[in-house]
PDB file of N, CA and C in Angstrom:
ATOM      1  N   ARG A   1     116.300  69.495  88.048  1.00  0.00           N
ATOM      2  CA  ARG A   1     114.847  68.339  87.437  1.00  0.00           C
ATOM      3  C   ARG A   1     114.579  69.016  85.961  1.00  0.00           C
ATOM      4  N   MET A   2     114.765  68.213  85.537  1.00  0.00           N
ATOM      5  CA  MET A   2     114.513  68.906  83.722  1.00  0.00           C
ATOM      6  C   MET A   2     112.722  68.264  83.741  1.00  0.00           C
ATOM      7  N   ASP A   3     111.608  68.333  83.381  1.00  0.00           N
ATOM      8  CA  ASP A   3     110.465  67.619  82.631  1.00  0.00           C
ATOM      9  C   ASP A   3     110.526  67.289  80.793  1.00  0.00           C
ATOM     10  N   PHE A   4     109.860  66.580  80.725  1.00  0.00           N
ATOM     11  CA  PHE A   4     109.757  65.462  79.197  1.00  0.00           C
ATOM     12  C   PHE A   4     109.042  67.465  78.794  1.00  0.00           C
ATOM     13  N   ASP A   5     109.802  67.573  77.628  1.00  0.00           N
ATOM     14  CA  ASP A   5     108.925  68.277  77.001  1.00  0.00           C
ATOM     15  C   ASP A   5     108.131  67.979  75.600  1.00  0.00           C
ATOM     16  N   HIS A   6     109.711  66.927  74.791  1.00  0.00           N
ATOM     17  CA  HIS A   6     108.680  66.926  72.889  1.00  0.00           C
ATOM     18  C   HIS A   6     109.852  65.813  72.640  1.00  0.00           C
ATOM     19  N   ALA A   7     108.958  64.693  72.155  1.00  0.00           N
ATOM     20  CA  ALA A   7     110.003  64.038  71.405  1.00  0.00           C
ATOM     21  C   ALA A   7     110.055  64.655  69.875  1.00  0.00           C
ATOM     22  N   GLY A   8     111.185  64.625  69.176  1.00  0.00           N
ATOM     23  CA  GLY A   8     111.238  65.395  67.849  1.00  0.00           C
ATOM     24  C   GLY A   8     111.138  63.466  66.504  1.00  0.00           C
ATOM     25  N   VAL A   9     109.905  64.099  65.799  1.00  0.00           N
ATOM     26  CA  VAL A   9     109.704  62.661  64.893  1.00  0.00           C
ATOM     27  C   VAL A   9     110.228  62.949  63.641  1.00  0.00           C
ATOM     28  N   ALA A  10     111.331  62.482  63.561  1.00  0.00           N
ATOM     29  CA  ALA A  10     111.790  62.238  61.764  1.00  0.00           C
ATOM     30  C   ALA A  10     110.639  61.915  60.476  1.00  0.00           C
ATOM     31  N   THR A  11     110.380  63.414  59.739  1.00  0.00           N
ATOM     32  CA  THR A  11     108.890  62.985  58.738  1.00  0.00           C
ATOM     33  C   THR A  11     109.586  63.239  57.517  1.00  0.00           C
ATOM     34  N   ASP A  12     108.666  62.254  56.462  1.00  0.00           N
ATOM     35  CA  ASP A  12     108.807  63.362  54.873  1.00  0.00           C
ATOM     36  C   ASP A  12     107.080  63.535  54.805  1.00  0.00           C
ATOM     37  N   ASP A  13     106.350  63.709  55.876  1.00  0.00           N
ATOM     38  CA  ASP A  13     104.343  64.115  55.221  1.00  0.00           C
ATOM     39  C   ASP A  13     104.608  64.538  56.993  1.00  0.00           C
ATOM     40  N   ALA A  14     105.230  65.564  57.375  1.00  0.00           N
ATOM     41  CA  ALA A  14     104.193  66.635  58.575  1.00  0.00           C
ATOM     42  C   ALA A  14     102.743  66.393  58.215  1.00  0.00           C
ATOM     43  N   ASP A  15     102.298  67.595  57.683  1.00  0.00           N
ATOM     44  CA  ASP A  15     100.855  67.189  57.588  1.00  0.00           C
ATOM     45  C   ASP A  15     100.668  65.888  57.780  1.00  0.00           C
ATOM     46  N   GLY A  16     100.636  64.535  56.940  1.00  0.00           N
ATOM     47  CA  GLY A  16      99.910  63.156  56.938  1.00  0.00           C
ATOM     48  C   GLY A  16     100.024  62.612  57.892  1.00  0.00           C
ATOM     49  N   LEU A  17     101.126  62.831  58.947  1.00  0.00           N
ATOM     50  CA  LEU A  17     101.722  62.519  59.862  1.00  0.00           C
ATOM     51  C   LEU A  17     100.749  63.106  61.027  1.00  0.00           C
ATOM     52  N   ALA A  18     100.796  63.908  61.428  1.00  0.00           N
ATOM     53  CA  ALA A  18      99.905  64.997  62.297  1.00  0.00           C
ATOM     54  C   ALA A  18      98.038  64.757  62.192  1.00  0.00           C
ATOM     55  N   ALA A  19      98.123  64.411  61.206  1.00  0.00           N
ATOM     56  CA  ALA A  19      96.544  64.301  60.736  1.00  0.00           C
ATOM     57  C   ALA A  19      96.414  62.917  61.354  1.00  0.00           C
ATOM     58  N   LEU A  20      97.149  61.525  60.852  1.00  0.00           N
ATOM     59  CA  LEU A  20      97.105  60.724  62.013  1.00  0.00           C
ATOM     60  C   LEU A  20      97.023  60.006  62.864  1.00  0.00           C
ATOM     61  N   TYR A  21      98.026  61.323  63.900  1.00  0.00           N
ATOM     62  CA  TYR A  21      97.781  61.718  65.197  1.00  0.00           C
ATOM     63  C   TYR A  21      96.686  62.099  65.599  1.00  0.00           C
ATOM     64  N   THR A  22      96.448  63.438  64.992  1.00  0.00           N
ATOM     65  CA  THR A  22      95.010  63.902  65.657  1.00  0.00           C
ATOM     66  C   THR A  22      93.932  62.669  66.001  1.00  0.00           C
ATOM     67  N   ASP A  23      93.705  62.451  64.403  1.00  0.00           N
ATOM     68  CA  ASP A  23      92.791  61.126  65.238  1.00  0.00           C
ATOM     69  C   ASP A  23      92.762  60.474  65.317  1.00  0.00           C
ATOM     70  N   LEU A  24      94.100  59.510  65.303  1.00  0.00           N
ATOM     71  CA  LEU A  24      93.975  58.187  66.136  1.00  0.00           C
ATOM     72  C   LEU A  24      93.708  58.116  67.627  1.00  0.00           C
ATOM     73  N   LEU A  25      95.091  59.867  68.433  1.00  0.00           N
ATOM     74  CA  LEU A  25      95.748  59.304  69.697  1.00  0.00           C
ATOM     75  C   LEU A  25      94.559  60.819  69.353  1.00  0.00           C
ATOM     76  N   GLY A  26      93.467  61.525  68.741  1.00  0.00           N
ATOM     77  CA  GLY A  26      92.970  62.743  70.012  1.00  0.00           C
ATOM     78  C   GLY A  26      93.597  63.324  70.608  1.00  0.00           C
ATOM     79  N   CYS A  27      94.914  63.811  70.100  1.00  0.00           N
ATOM     80  CA  CYS A  27      95.411  65.143  70.314  1.00  0.00           C
ATOM     81  C   CYS A  27      95.007  66.351  69.216  1.00  0.00           C
ATOM     82  N   ASP A  28      95.972  67.656  69.852  1.00  0.00           N
ATOM     83  CA  ASP A  28      95.490  68.523  69.043  1.00  0.00           C
ATOM     84  C   ASP A  28      96.721  69.583  68.616  1.00  0.00           C
ATOM     85  N   ARG A  29      96.023  69.253  67.347  1.00  0.00           N
ATOM     86  CA  ARG A  29      97.470  70.490  66.279  1.00  0.00           C
ATOM     87  C   ARG A  29      97.815  72.019  67.047  1.00  0.00           C
ATOM     88  N   VAL A  30      99.059  72.492  67.567  1.00  0.00           N
ATOM     89  CA  VAL A  30      99.211  73.372  68.568  1.00  0.00           C
ATOM     90  C   VAL A  30     100.026  74.179  68.083  1.00  0.00           C
ATOM     91  N   HIS A  31     100.964  73.784  67.424  1.00  0.00           N
ATOM     92  CA  HIS A  31     102.063  74.611  65.978  1.00  0.00           C
ATOM     93  C   HIS A  31     102.812  74.484  65.428  1.00  0.00           C
ATOM     94  N   ASP A  32     102.405  75.614  64.043  1.00  0.00           N
ATOM     95  CA  ASP A  32     103.563  75.100  62.888  1.00  0.00           C
ATOM     96  C   ASP A  32     103.940  76.326  62.149  1.00  0.00           C
ATOM     97  N   GLU A  33     105.883  75.763  61.963  1.00  0.00           N
ATOM     98  CA  GLU A  33     106.123  76.743  61.425  1.00  0.00           C
ATOM     99  C   GLU A  33     107.600  76.478  60.696  1.00  0.00           C
ATOM    100  N   ARG A  34     107.646  77.025  59.915  1.00  0.00           N
ATOM    101  CA  ARG A  34     109.252  77.057  58.778  1.00  0.00           C
ATOM    102  C   ARG A  34     110.138  76.885  59.447  1.00  0.00           C
ATOM    103  N   PHE A  35     111.032  76.276  59.802  1.00  0.00           N
ATOM    104  CA  PHE A  35     112.457  76.532  60.879  1.00  0.00           C
ATOM    105  C   PHE A  35     113.927  75.746  60.022  1.00  0.00           C
ATOM    106  N   ASP A  36     113.957  76.540  59.941  1.00  0.00           N
ATOM    107  CA  ASP A  36     115.783  76.413  59.646  1.00  0.00           C
ATOM    108  C   ASP A  36     115.284  74.371  59.137  1.00  0.00           C
ATOM    109  N   GLY A  37     115.074  75.334  57.619  1.00  0.00           N
ATOM    110  CA  GLY A  37     114.856  74.461  56.373  1.00  0.00           C
ATOM    111  C   GLY A  37     114.091  73.002  56.808  1.00  0.00           C
ATOM    112  N   MET A  38     113.180  73.740  57.499  1.00  0.00           N
ATOM    113  CA  MET A  38     111.272  72.399  57.888  1.00  0.00           C
ATOM    114  C   MET A  38     110.785  73.190  58.059  1.00  0.00           C
ATOM    115  N   ASP A  39     110.004  71.901  58.249  1.00  0.00           N
ATOM    116  CA  ASP A  39     108.211  72.575  58.015  1.00  0.00           C
ATOM    117  C   ASP A  39     108.200  71.421  59.768  1.00  0.00           C
ATOM    118  N   VAL A  40     107.942  72.449  60.580  1.00  0.00           N
ATOM    119  CA  VAL A  40     108.016  71.520  62.267  1.00  0.00           C
ATOM    120  C   VAL A  40     106.021  72.072  62.249  1.00  0.00           C
ATOM    121  N   VAL A  41     105.859  71.058  62.524  1.00  0.00           N
ATOM    122  CA  VAL A  41     104.567  70.525  63.397  1.00  0.00           C
ATOM    123  C   VAL A  41     104.382  70.261  65.049  1.00  0.00           C
ATOM    124  N   PHE A  42     103.900  71.053  65.893  1.00  0.00           N
ATOM    125  CA  PHE A  42     103.840  70.493  67.655  1.00  0.00           C
ATOM    126  C   PHE A  42     102.301  70.025  67.302  1.00  0.00           C
ATOM    127  N   LEU A  43     101.946  68.725  68.312  1.00  0.00           N
ATOM    128  CA  LEU A  43     100.149  68.379  68.952  1.00  0.00           C
ATOM    129  C   LEU A  43     100.796  68.252  69.973  1.00  0.00           C
ATOM    130  N   ASP A  44     100.423  68.540  70.652  1.00  0.00           N
ATOM    131  CA  ASP A  44     100.283  68.300  72.306  1.00  0.00           C
ATOM    132  C   ASP A  44      99.229  66.899  72.317  1.00  0.00           C
ATOM    133  N   VAL A  45     100.474  65.858  73.128  1.00  0.00           N
ATOM    134  CA  VAL A  45      99.471  64.545  73.574  1.00  0.00           C
ATOM    135  C   VAL A  45      99.898  64.671  74.808  1.00  0.00           C
ATOM    136  N   GLY A  46      99.716  66.228  75.505  1.00  0.00           N
ATOM    137  CA  GLY A  46      99.295  65.474  77.350  1.00  0.00           C
ATOM    138  C   GLY A  46     100.407  65.325  77.947  1.00  0.00           C
ATOM    139  N   GLY A  47     101.106  66.344  78.205  1.00  0.00           N
ATOM    140  CA  GLY A  47     102.931  65.697  79.528  1.00  0.00           C
ATOM    141  C   GLY A  47     103.577  66.418  78.809  1.00  0.00           C
ATOM    142  N   GLY A  48     103.728  66.848  76.809  1.00  0.00           N
ATOM    143  CA  GLY A  48     104.233  67.249  76.498  1.00  0.00           C
ATOM    144  C   GLY A  48     103.491  66.964  75.013  1.00  0.00           C
ATOM    145  N   TYR A  49     104.561  67.594  73.668  1.00  0.00           N
ATOM    146  CA  TYR A  49     104.700  67.176  72.943  1.00  0.00           C
ATOM    147  C   TYR A  49     105.080  66.157  71.565  1.00  0.00           C
ATOM    148  N   LEU A  50     104.399  65.679  70.541  1.00  0.00           N
ATOM    149  CA  LEU A  50     105.466  65.277  69.478  1.00  0.00           C
ATOM    150  C   LEU A  50     105.904  66.212  68.229  1.00  0.00           C
ATOM    151  N   GLU A  51     107.218  66.893  67.760  1.00  0.00           N
ATOM    152  CA  GLU A  51     107.335  66.933  67.115  1.00  0.00           C
ATOM    153  C   GLU A  51     107.670  66.532  66.069  1.00  0.00           C
ATOM    154  N   LEU A  52     106.525  66.776  64.699  1.00  0.00           N
ATOM    155  CA  LEU A  52     107.091  66.498  63.807  1.00  0.00           C
ATOM    156  C   LEU A  52     108.122  67.272  62.608  1.00  0.00           C
ATOM    157  N   LEU A  53     109.101  66.678  62.069  1.00  0.00           N
ATOM    158  CA  LEU A  53     109.790  67.807  61.466  1.00  0.00           C
ATOM    159  C   LEU A  53     110.525  66.791  59.930  1.00  0.00           C
ATOM    160  N   GLU A  54     109.951  68.274  59.451  1.00  0.00           N
ATOM    161  CA  GLU A  54     109.753  67.334  57.307  1.00  0.00           C
ATOM    162  C   GLU A  54     110.907  68.565  56.634  1.00  0.00           C
ATOM    163  N   PRO A  55     112.009  68.133  55.490  1.00  0.00           N
ATOM    164  CA  PRO A  55     113.080  69.139  55.661  1.00  0.00           C
ATOM    165  C   PRO A  55     112.118  69.781  54.563  1.00  0.00           C
ATOM    166  N   VAL A  56     112.479  71.170  54.082  1.00  0.00           N
ATOM    167  CA  VAL A  56     112.283  71.640  52.885  1.00  0.00           C
ATOM    168  C   VAL A  56     112.961  71.648  52.288  1.00  0.00           C
ATOM    169  N   GLU A  57     114.775  71.544  52.905  1.00  0.00           N
ATOM    170  CA  GLU A  57     115.480  71.695  52.096  1.00  0.00           C
ATOM    171  C   GLU A  57     117.008  70.582  52.705  1.00  0.00           C
ATOM    172  N   ASP A  58     118.079  70.717  51.623  1.00  0.00           N
ATOM    173  CA  ASP A  58     119.044  69.862  52.723  1.00  0.00           C
ATOM    174  C   ASP A  58     119.217  70.183  54.148  1.00  0.00           C
ATOM    175  N   GLY A  59     119.840  69.380  55.570  1.00  0.00           N
ATOM    176  CA  GLY A  59     119.892  69.543  56.346  1.00  0.00           C
ATOM    177  C   GLY A  59     120.003  69.069  57.145  1.00  0.00           C
ATOM    178  N   PRO A  60     119.743  68.803  58.689  1.00  0.00           N
ATOM    179  CA  PRO A  60     120.432  67.549  59.402  1.00  0.00           C
ATOM    180  C   PRO A  60     119.591  66.717  59.257  1.00  0.00           C
ATOM    181  N   ILE A  61     117.527  66.797  59.524  1.00  0.00           N
ATOM    182  CA  ILE A  61     116.762  66.141  58.976  1.00  0.00           C
ATOM    183  C   ILE A  61     117.087  64.805  58.052  1.00  0.00           C
ATOM    184  N   ALA A  62     116.886  66.145  56.769  1.00  0.00           N
ATOM    185  CA  ALA A  62     117.168  64.992  55.399  1.00  0.00           C
ATOM    186  C   ALA A  62     118.308  64.455  55.671  1.00  0.00           C
ATOM    187  N   SER A  63     119.241  64.332  56.264  1.00  0.00           N
ATOM    188  CA  SER A  63     120.051  63.519  56.136  1.00  0.00           C
ATOM    189  C   SER A  63     119.533  62.285  57.007  1.00  0.00           C
ATOM    190  N   TYR A  64     119.473  62.660  58.403  1.00  0.00           N
ATOM    191  CA  TYR A  64     118.574  61.602  59.318  1.00  0.00           C
ATOM    192  C   TYR A  64     117.981  60.631  58.530  1.00  0.00           C
ATOM    193  N   LEU A  65     116.810  61.126  57.444  1.00  0.00           N
ATOM    194  CA  LEU A  65     115.861  60.690  57.029  1.00  0.00           C
ATOM    195  C   LEU A  65     116.207  59.351  56.463  1.00  0.00           C
ATOM    196  N   ALA A  66     117.821  60.406  54.928  1.00  0.00           N
ATOM    197  CA  ALA A  66     118.589  59.110  54.287  1.00  0.00           C
ATOM    198  C   ALA A  66     118.849  58.356  54.617  1.00  0.00           C
ATOM    199  N   ASP A  67     119.665  58.043  55.962  1.00  0.00           N
ATOM    200  CA  ASP A  67     119.914  57.645  55.942  1.00  0.00           C
ATOM    201  C   ASP A  67     119.786  56.718  57.378  1.00  0.00           C
ATOM    202  N   ASN A  68     118.565  56.567  58.391  1.00  0.00           N
ATOM    203  CA  ASN A  68     118.021  55.775  59.197  1.00  0.00           C
ATOM    204  C   ASN A  68     116.092  55.500  58.485  1.00  0.00           C
ATOM    205  N   GLY A  69     115.575  56.653  57.508  1.00  0.00           N
ATOM    206  CA  GLY A  69     114.444  56.489  57.389  1.00  0.00           C
ATOM    207  C   GLY A  69     113.389  57.427  58.344  1.00  0.00           C
ATOM    208  N   PRO A  70     112.381  57.469  58.127  1.00  0.00           N
ATOM    209  CA  PRO A  70     111.335  57.559  59.692  1.00  0.00           C
ATOM    210  C   PRO A  70     111.554  57.584  60.836  1.00  0.00           C
ATOM    211  N   GLY A  71     111.310  58.274  61.692  1.00  0.00           N
ATOM    212  CA  GLY A  71     111.157  57.942  63.387  1.00  0.00           C
ATOM    213  C   GLY A  71     112.054  58.586  64.490  1.00  0.00           C
ATOM    214  N   ILE A  72     111.883  58.415  65.611  1.00  0.00           N
ATOM    215  CA  ILE A  72     112.053  59.658  66.336  1.00  0.00           C
ATOM    216  C   ILE A  72     113.786  60.089  66.607  1.00  0.00           C
ATOM    217  N   HIS A  73     113.783  61.013  66.088  1.00  0.00           N
ATOM    218  CA  HIS A  73     115.333  61.446  66.129  1.00  0.00           C
ATOM    219  C   HIS A  73     115.165  62.503  67.337  1.00  0.00           C
ATOM    220  N   HIS A  74     114.782  63.062  67.731  1.00  0.00           N
ATOM    221  CA  HIS A  74     115.269  63.425  69.951  1.00  0.00           C
ATOM    222  C   HIS A  74     114.630  63.129  71.111  1.00  0.00           C
ATOM    223  N   VAL A  75     114.600  63.969  71.855  1.00  0.00           N
ATOM    224  CA  VAL A  75     114.327  63.648  73.320  1.00  0.00           C
ATOM    225  C   VAL A  75     114.277  65.199  73.760  1.00  0.00           C
ATOM    226  N   ALA A  76     113.702  66.410  74.239  1.00  0.00           N
ATOM    227  CA  ALA A  76     114.008  66.851  74.586  1.00  0.00           C
ATOM    228  C   ALA A  76     113.629  67.384  76.062  1.00  0.00           C
ATOM    229  N   LEU A  77     113.908  68.250  76.506  1.00  0.00           N
ATOM    230  CA  LEU A  77     113.724  68.476  78.304  1.00  0.00           C
ATOM    231  C   LEU A  77     114.091  69.191  78.265  1.00  0.00           C
ATOM    232  N   ALA A  78     113.155  70.308  78.770  1.00  0.00           N
ATOM    233  CA  ALA A  78     112.912  71.554  79.559  1.00  0.00           C
ATOM    234  C   ALA A  78     113.677  72.026  80.637  1.00  0.00           C
ATOM    235  N   THR A  79     113.868  72.905  80.752  1.00  0.00           N
ATOM    236  CA  THR A  79     114.811  73.272  81.910  1.00  0.00           C
ATOM    237  C   THR A  79     114.617  74.997  81.525  1.00  0.00           C
ATOM    238  N   ALA A  80     114.768  75.706  82.949  1.00  0.00           N
ATOM    239  CA  ALA A  80     114.724  77.375  82.859  1.00  0.00           C
ATOM    240  C   ALA A  80     115.442  77.503  83.445  1.00  0.00           C
ATOM    241  N   ASP A  81     116.500  75.995  83.193  1.00  0.00           N
ATOM    242  CA  ASP A  81     118.709  77.230  83.176  1.00  0.00           C
ATOM    243  C   ASP A  81     118.990  76.573  82.327  1.00  0.00           C
ATOM    244  N   ILE A  82     119.007  76.566  80.993  1.00  0.00           N
ATOM    245  CA  ILE A  82     119.508  76.291  79.655  1.00  0.00           C
ATOM    246  C   ILE A  82     121.049  76.272  79.660  1.00  0.00           C
ATOM    247  N   GLU A  83     121.554  77.149  81.364  1.00  0.00           N
ATOM    248  CA  GLU A  83     123.091  77.895  80.711  1.00  0.00           C
ATOM    249  C   GLU A  83     123.439  77.001  81.953  1.00  0.00           C
ATOM    250  N   GLY A  84     122.795  76.395  82.805  1.00  0.00           N
ATOM    251  CA  GLY A  84     123.456  75.371  84.027  1.00  0.00           C
ATOM    252  C   GLY A  84     123.365  74.315  83.797  1.00  0.00           C
ATOM    253  N   ALA A  85     121.836  73.470  82.973  1.00  0.00           N
ATOM    254  CA  ALA A  85     122.422  72.610  82.800  1.00  0.00           C
ATOM    255  C   ALA A  85     122.850  72.372  81.179  1.00  0.00           C
ATOM    256  N   LEU A  86     124.333  72.728  80.315  1.00  0.00           N
ATOM    257  CA  LEU A  86     125.239  73.113  79.543  1.00  0.00           C
ATOM    258  C   LEU A  86     126.184  72.971  80.456  1.00  0.00           C
ATOM    259  N   ASP A  87     126.103  73.695  81.879  1.00  0.00           N
ATOM    260  CA  ASP A  87     127.263  73.885  82.422  1.00  0.00           C
ATOM    261  C   ASP A  87     127.318  72.808  83.479  1.00  0.00           C
ATOM    262  N   ARG A  88     126.414  71.559  83.876  1.00  0.00           N
ATOM    263  CA  ARG A  88     126.472  70.665  84.813  1.00  0.00           C
ATOM    264  C   ARG A  88     126.787  69.543  83.170  1.00  0.00           C
ATOM    265  N   ALA A  89     126.388  69.356  82.172  1.00  0.00           N
ATOM    266  CA  ALA A  89     126.662  68.436  80.573  1.00  0.00           C
ATOM    267  C   ALA A  89     127.948  68.562  80.629  1.00  0.00           C
ATOM    268  N   ARG A  90     128.902  69.641  80.847  1.00  0.00           N
ATOM    269  CA  ARG A  90     130.544  69.343  80.933  1.00  0.00           C
ATOM    270  C   ARG A  90     131.189  69.451  82.469  1.00  0.00           C
ATOM    271  N   ALA A  91     130.485  69.254  83.439  1.00  0.00           N
ATOM    272  CA  ALA A  91     130.991  69.142  84.441  1.00  0.00           C
ATOM    273  C   ALA A  91     130.930  67.298  84.732  1.00  0.00           C
ATOM    274  N   HIS A  92     129.767  66.388  83.461  1.00  0.00           N
ATOM    275  CA  HIS A  92     130.112  65.284  83.195  1.00  0.00           C
ATOM    276  C   HIS A  92     130.419  64.685  82.163  1.00  0.00           C
ATOM    277  N   ASP A  93     131.504  65.405  81.673  1.00  0.00           N
ATOM    278  CA  ASP A  93     132.251  65.439  80.589  1.00  0.00           C
ATOM    279  C   ASP A  93     131.097  64.932  79.375  1.00  0.00           C
ATOM    280  N   VAL A  94     129.959  65.420  79.023  1.00  0.00           N
ATOM    281  CA  VAL A  94     129.219  64.550  78.211  1.00  0.00           C
ATOM    282  C   VAL A  94     129.238  65.665  76.809  1.00  0.00           C
ATOM    283  N   ASP A  95     129.794  65.399  75.296  1.00  0.00           N
ATOM    284  CA  ASP A  95     130.326  66.070  74.918  1.00  0.00           C
ATOM    285  C   ASP A  95     128.998  66.907  74.291  1.00  0.00           C
ATOM    286  N   ARG A  96     129.192  68.133  73.629  1.00  0.00           N
ATOM    287  CA  ARG A  96     127.670  69.142  73.574  1.00  0.00           C
ATOM    288  C   ARG A  96     127.970  69.170  71.771  1.00  0.00           C
ATOM    289  N   ILE A  97     127.096  69.437  71.275  1.00  0.00           N
ATOM    290  CA  ILE A  97     126.741  69.723  70.083  1.00  0.00           C
ATOM    291  C   ILE A  97     127.151  70.992  69.988  1.00  0.00           C
ATOM    292  N   ASP A  98     125.865  71.444  70.934  1.00  0.00           N
ATOM    293  CA  ASP A  98     126.156  73.133  70.901  1.00  0.00           C
ATOM    294  C   ASP A  98     126.279  73.432  71.843  1.00  0.00           C
ATOM    295  N   GLU A  99     127.681  73.926  72.308  1.00  0.00           N
ATOM    296  CA  GLU A  99     128.639  75.040  73.337  1.00  0.00           C
ATOM    297  C   GLU A  99     127.657  76.077  74.178  1.00  0.00           C
ATOM    298  N   GLU A 100     126.518  76.502  73.422  1.00  0.00           N
ATOM    299  CA  GLU A 100     125.370  78.102  73.914  1.00  0.00           C
ATOM    300  C   GLU A 100     124.387  77.525  73.628  1.00  0.00           C
ATOM    301  N   PRO A 101     123.647  77.853  73.974  1.00  0.00           N
ATOM    302  CA  PRO A 101     121.886  77.809  73.484  1.00  0.00           C
ATOM    303  C   PRO A 101     122.022  78.396  72.259  1.00  0.00           C
ATOM    304  N   ARG A 102     121.094  77.710  71.482  1.00  0.00           N
ATOM    305  CA  ARG A 102     120.728  78.943  69.922  1.00  0.00           C
ATOM    306  C   ARG A 102     119.252  79.237  69.907  1.00  0.00           C
ATOM    307  N   PRO A 103     119.075  79.353  68.711  1.00  0.00           N
ATOM    308  CA  PRO A 103     117.744  79.646  68.844  1.00  0.00           C
ATOM    309  C   PRO A 103     116.721  78.446  68.351  1.00  0.00           C
ATOM    310  N   GLY A 104     115.604  78.122  68.455  1.00  0.00           N
ATOM    311  CA  GLY A 104     114.744  77.390  68.643  1.00  0.00           C
ATOM    312  C   GLY A 104     113.969  77.298  68.004  1.00  0.00           C
ATOM    313  N   ALA A 105     112.818  75.981  67.364  1.00  0.00           N
ATOM    314  CA  ALA A 105     111.341  76.492  66.720  1.00  0.00           C
ATOM    315  C   ALA A 105     110.634  77.529  68.038  1.00  0.00           C
ATOM    316  N   TRP A 106     109.777  77.492  67.676  1.00  0.00           N
ATOM    317  CA  TRP A 106     108.535  77.951  68.294  1.00  0.00           C
ATOM    318  C   TRP A 106     109.564  78.883  69.640  1.00  0.00           C
ATOM    319  N   GLY A 107     110.408  79.681  69.546  1.00  0.00           N
ATOM    320  CA  GLY A 107     111.141  80.453  69.848  1.00  0.00           C
ATOM    321  C   GLY A 107     111.837  80.396  71.005  1.00  0.00           C
ATOM    322  N   HIS A 108     111.704  78.965  71.144  1.00  0.00           N
ATOM    323  CA  HIS A 108     112.788  78.824  72.017  1.00  0.00           C
ATOM    324  C   HIS A 108     114.091  79.061  72.143  1.00  0.00           C
ATOM    325  N   GLU A 109     115.251  78.790  73.382  1.00  0.00           N
ATOM    326  CA  GLU A 109     116.795  78.603  73.573  1.00  0.00           C
ATOM    327  C   GLU A 109     117.280  77.293  73.831  1.00  0.00           C
ATOM    328  N   VAL A 110     117.721  76.482  72.351  1.00  0.00           N
ATOM    329  CA  VAL A 110     118.579  74.925  72.361  1.00  0.00           C
ATOM    330  C   VAL A 110     119.292  74.091  72.637  1.00  0.00           C
ATOM    331  N   ALA A 111     119.570  73.594  73.231  1.00  0.00           N
ATOM    332  CA  ALA A 111     120.834  73.141  72.962  1.00  0.00           C
ATOM    333  C   ALA A 111     121.549  71.337  73.254  1.00  0.00           C
ATOM    334  N   PHE A 112     121.891  70.646  72.071  1.00  0.00           N
ATOM    335  CA  PHE A 112     121.824  69.556  71.644  1.00  0.00           C
ATOM    336  C   PHE A 112     123.094  68.527  73.302  1.00  0.00           C
ATOM    337  N   LEU A 113     122.929  67.659  73.106  1.00  0.00           N
ATOM    338  CA  LEU A 113     124.228  66.753  73.466  1.00  0.00           C
ATOM    339  C   LEU A 113     124.367  65.717  72.559  1.00  0.00           C
ATOM    340  N   HIS A 114     126.119  65.450  72.520  1.00  0.00           N
ATOM    341  CA  HIS A 114     126.008  64.148  71.780  1.00  0.00           C
ATOM    342  C   HIS A 114     125.595  62.757  72.223  1.00  0.00           C
ATOM    343  N   PRO A 115     125.043  62.148  70.668  1.00  0.00           N
ATOM    344  CA  PRO A 115     123.829  60.988  71.497  1.00  0.00           C
ATOM    345  C   PRO A 115     125.419  59.264  71.437  1.00  0.00           C
ATOM    346  N   GLY A 116     126.430  59.769  71.702  1.00  0.00           N
ATOM    347  CA  GLY A 116     127.538  59.035  71.883  1.00  0.00           C
ATOM    348  C   GLY A 116     127.916  59.175  73.085  1.00  0.00           C
ATOM    349  N   ASP A 117     127.211  60.748  73.875  1.00  0.00           N
ATOM    350  CA  ASP A 117     127.802  60.589  75.375  1.00  0.00           C
ATOM    351  C   ASP A 117     126.128  60.567  76.199  1.00  0.00           C
ATOM    352  N   THR A 118     125.251  59.839  76.182  1.00  0.00           N
ATOM    353  CA  THR A 118     124.293  59.944  76.123  1.00  0.00           C
ATOM    354  C   THR A 118     122.674  58.744  75.879  1.00  0.00           C
ATOM    355  N   GLY A 119     124.016  57.791  76.272  1.00  0.00           N
ATOM    356  CA  GLY A 119     123.366  56.321  75.847  1.00  0.00           C
ATOM    357  C   GLY A 119     122.730  55.863  74.140  1.00  0.00           C
ATOM    358  N   GLY A 120     122.787  56.474  73.278  1.00  0.00           N
ATOM    359  CA  GLY A 120     122.503  57.033  71.914  1.00  0.00           C
ATOM    360  C   GLY A 120     121.497  57.586  71.468  1.00  0.00           C
ATOM    361  N   ILE A 121     121.058  58.610  72.978  1.00  0.00           N
ATOM    362  CA  ILE A 121     119.500  59.065  72.488  1.00  0.00           C
ATOM    363  C   ILE A 121     120.152  60.715  72.108  1.00  0.00           C
ATOM    364  N   LEU A 122     119.934  61.434  71.273  1.00  0.00           N
ATOM    365  CA  LEU A 122     120.264  62.723  70.450  1.00  0.00           C
ATOM    366  C   LEU A 122     119.228  63.410  71.736  1.00  0.00           C
ATOM    367  N   VAL A 123     119.806  63.898  72.269  1.00  0.00           N
ATOM    368  CA  VAL A 123     119.262  65.028  73.994  1.00  0.00           C
ATOM    369  C   VAL A 123     119.620  66.138  73.519  1.00  0.00           C
ATOM    370  N   GLU A 124     118.122  67.106  73.664  1.00  0.00           N
ATOM    371  CA  GLU A 124     117.798  68.380  73.526  1.00  0.00           C
ATOM    372  C   GLU A 124     117.680  68.876  74.706  1.00  0.00           C
ATOM    373  N   PHE A 125     118.239  70.302  74.952  1.00  0.00           N
ATOM    374  CA  PHE A 125     117.646  71.648  75.863  1.00  0.00           C
ATOM    375  C   PHE A 125     117.081  71.882  75.975  1.00  0.00           C
ATOM    376  N   VAL A 126     115.672  72.328  76.660  1.00  0.00           N
ATOM    377  CA  VAL A 126     115.135  73.195  75.451  1.00  0.00           C
ATOM    378  C   VAL A 126     114.802  74.713  77.264  1.00  0.00           C
ATOM    379  N   GLN A 127     114.314  75.491  76.788  1.00  0.00           N
ATOM    380  CA  GLN A 127     113.784  76.401  77.897  1.00  0.00           C
ATOM    381  C   GLN A 127     113.346  77.451  76.884  1.00  0.00           C
ATOM    382  N   HIS A 128     111.850  77.459  77.746  1.00  0.00           N
ATOM    383  CA  HIS A 128     110.476  78.170  77.037  1.00  0.00           C
ATOM    384  C   HIS A 128     110.897  79.579  77.236  1.00  0.00           C
TER     385      HIS A 128
END
């Protein structure tokens, strides 16, 4: 079983959106980092996080914003066994963007599944 971890939100202004959400939702800003060409901000919304993704250079989030505008980019599910989760995806013929786990934000191991096989949702497995 996996648990909800976070929703990744593409934005042109992570600080501005974080300020809005902390005031509007009463949530806490719990982690900031520059990672993989993005400024990343995690907000604790109770039962999971919002991960605000602001590109600082060309890359997947910059491309996503150019094509789609701001909004939900992916949904992340926490697993204690990311290798086993990828094996289950293979067994179900789900196309994987990442064949092996890779380093992600906040020092976690991550792997993404292709949205073409997951109902149009970019799914991220994350192991803390």
